[in-house]
Every structure is written in structure tokens, then in C-alpha cells.
């Protein structure tokens, strides 16, 4: 999934930061990703706007993002 997320973020000029579920325990606790991975959490000004949960194809990631942007 990482290459799909990275390509998507690069195309849309989105800053991408990866959190390792096993290493970054403080961040995991802060964002409560749940049990289904991967989770992509979109933030605006530090506040969560929406999440994309689970493995998705690139076109599906694009569709979800565009729907959320209005």
C-alpha cells in the first residue's frame, strides 16, 4: 500500500508522514487507528478531517479523496 499512498500524496501535493504501529506508540495512541490497517488519516490544521481504512486501489483512494474535498 505504501507506494499507492505515496504516489497519491505526491500527485495532490499532500504532506505524507508514516507512523509505524509497532514503534511510534505515542502517535498510535494519539490517533487511535483501530484494528484494520493500513489507515490514512487526513489532517487539516492539525485536526482530523477524515480517514481511509484498509487496503484500497489507487482509483478508489482518488475517488474517496475527491468526494471528501467536495
Protein backbone atom coordinates (compact mmCIF):
# COMPACT_ATOMS: atom_id res chain seq x y z
CA UNK A 1 0.00 0.00 0.00
CA UNK A 2 2.81 2.44 0.74
CA UNK A 3 3.66 3.11 -2.94
CA UNK A 4 -0.03 3.82 -3.69
CA UNK A 5 -0.35 6.29 -0.82
CA UNK A 6 2.94 7.97 -1.66
CA UNK A 7 2.03 8.33 -5.34
CA UNK A 8 -1.39 9.69 -4.43
CA UNK A 9 0.04 12.24 -1.97
CA UNK A 10 2.70 13.35 -4.43
CA UNK A 11 0.08 13.90 -7.16
CA UNK A 12 -2.07 16.04 -4.85
CA UNK A 13 0.71 17.88 -3.02
CA UNK A 14 -0.20 16.29 0.31
CA UNK A 15 2.42 16.02 3.03
CA UNK A 16 2.80 12.33 3.88
CA UNK A 17 4.03 11.11 7.25
CA UNK A 18 4.16 7.44 8.09
CA UNK A 19 3.57 6.13 11.60
CA UNK A 20 4.81 2.64 12.46
CA UNK A 21 2.17 0.85 14.51
CA UNK A 22 4.82 -1.10 16.46
CA UNK A 23 7.33 1.72 17.04
CA UNK A 24 5.51 5.08 17.26
CA UNK A 25 3.35 4.20 20.25
CA UNK A 26 2.69 7.83 21.26
CA UNK A 27 1.34 8.69 17.80
CA UNK A 28 -0.67 5.47 17.61
CA UNK A 29 -2.27 6.33 20.93
CA UNK A 30 -2.97 9.89 19.75
CA UNK A 31 -4.75 8.89 16.52
CA UNK A 32 -6.44 5.62 17.59
CA UNK A 33 -6.08 3.86 14.23
CA UNK A 34 -8.16 0.85 15.25
CA UNK A 35 -7.56 -2.76 14.28
CA UNK A 36 -7.73 -2.57 10.48
CA UNK A 37 -4.53 -1.46 8.77
CA UNK A 38 -3.44 0.49 6.83
CA UNK A 39 -5.14 3.69 7.91
CA UNK A 40 -4.59 7.02 6.18
CA UNK A 41 -5.66 9.94 8.35
CA UNK A 42 -6.14 13.30 6.65
CA UNK A 43 -5.47 16.34 8.83
CA UNK A 44 -6.22 20.00 8.20
CA UNK A 45 -4.54 22.46 10.55
CA UNK A 46 -3.75 19.55 12.89
CA UNK A 47 -7.36 18.32 13.13
CA UNK A 48 -8.58 15.11 11.56
CA UNK A 49 -10.92 15.64 8.62
CA UNK A 50 -11.41 12.02 7.53
CA UNK A 51 -9.83 8.55 7.32
CA UNK A 52 -9.37 5.92 4.67
CA UNK A 53 -9.22 2.50 6.29
CA UNK A 54 -7.92 -0.74 4.80
CA UNK A 55 -6.21 -1.60 1.54
CA UNK A 56 -7.56 0.33 -1.43
CA UNK A 57 -6.76 0.51 -5.11
CA UNK A 58 -5.33 3.76 -6.37
CA UNK A 59 -8.57 4.72 -8.18
CA UNK A 60 -10.57 4.11 -5.00
CA UNK A 61 -8.21 6.28 -2.95
CA UNK A 62 -8.64 9.03 -5.54
CA UNK A 63 -12.45 8.72 -5.53
CA UNK A 64 -12.71 8.85 -1.73
CA UNK A 65 -10.40 11.86 -1.53
CA UNK A 66 -12.25 13.80 -4.23
CA UNK A 67 -15.64 13.06 -2.62
CA UNK A 68 -14.38 14.39 0.72
CA UNK A 69 -12.97 17.54 -0.88
CA UNK A 70 -16.41 18.44 -2.22
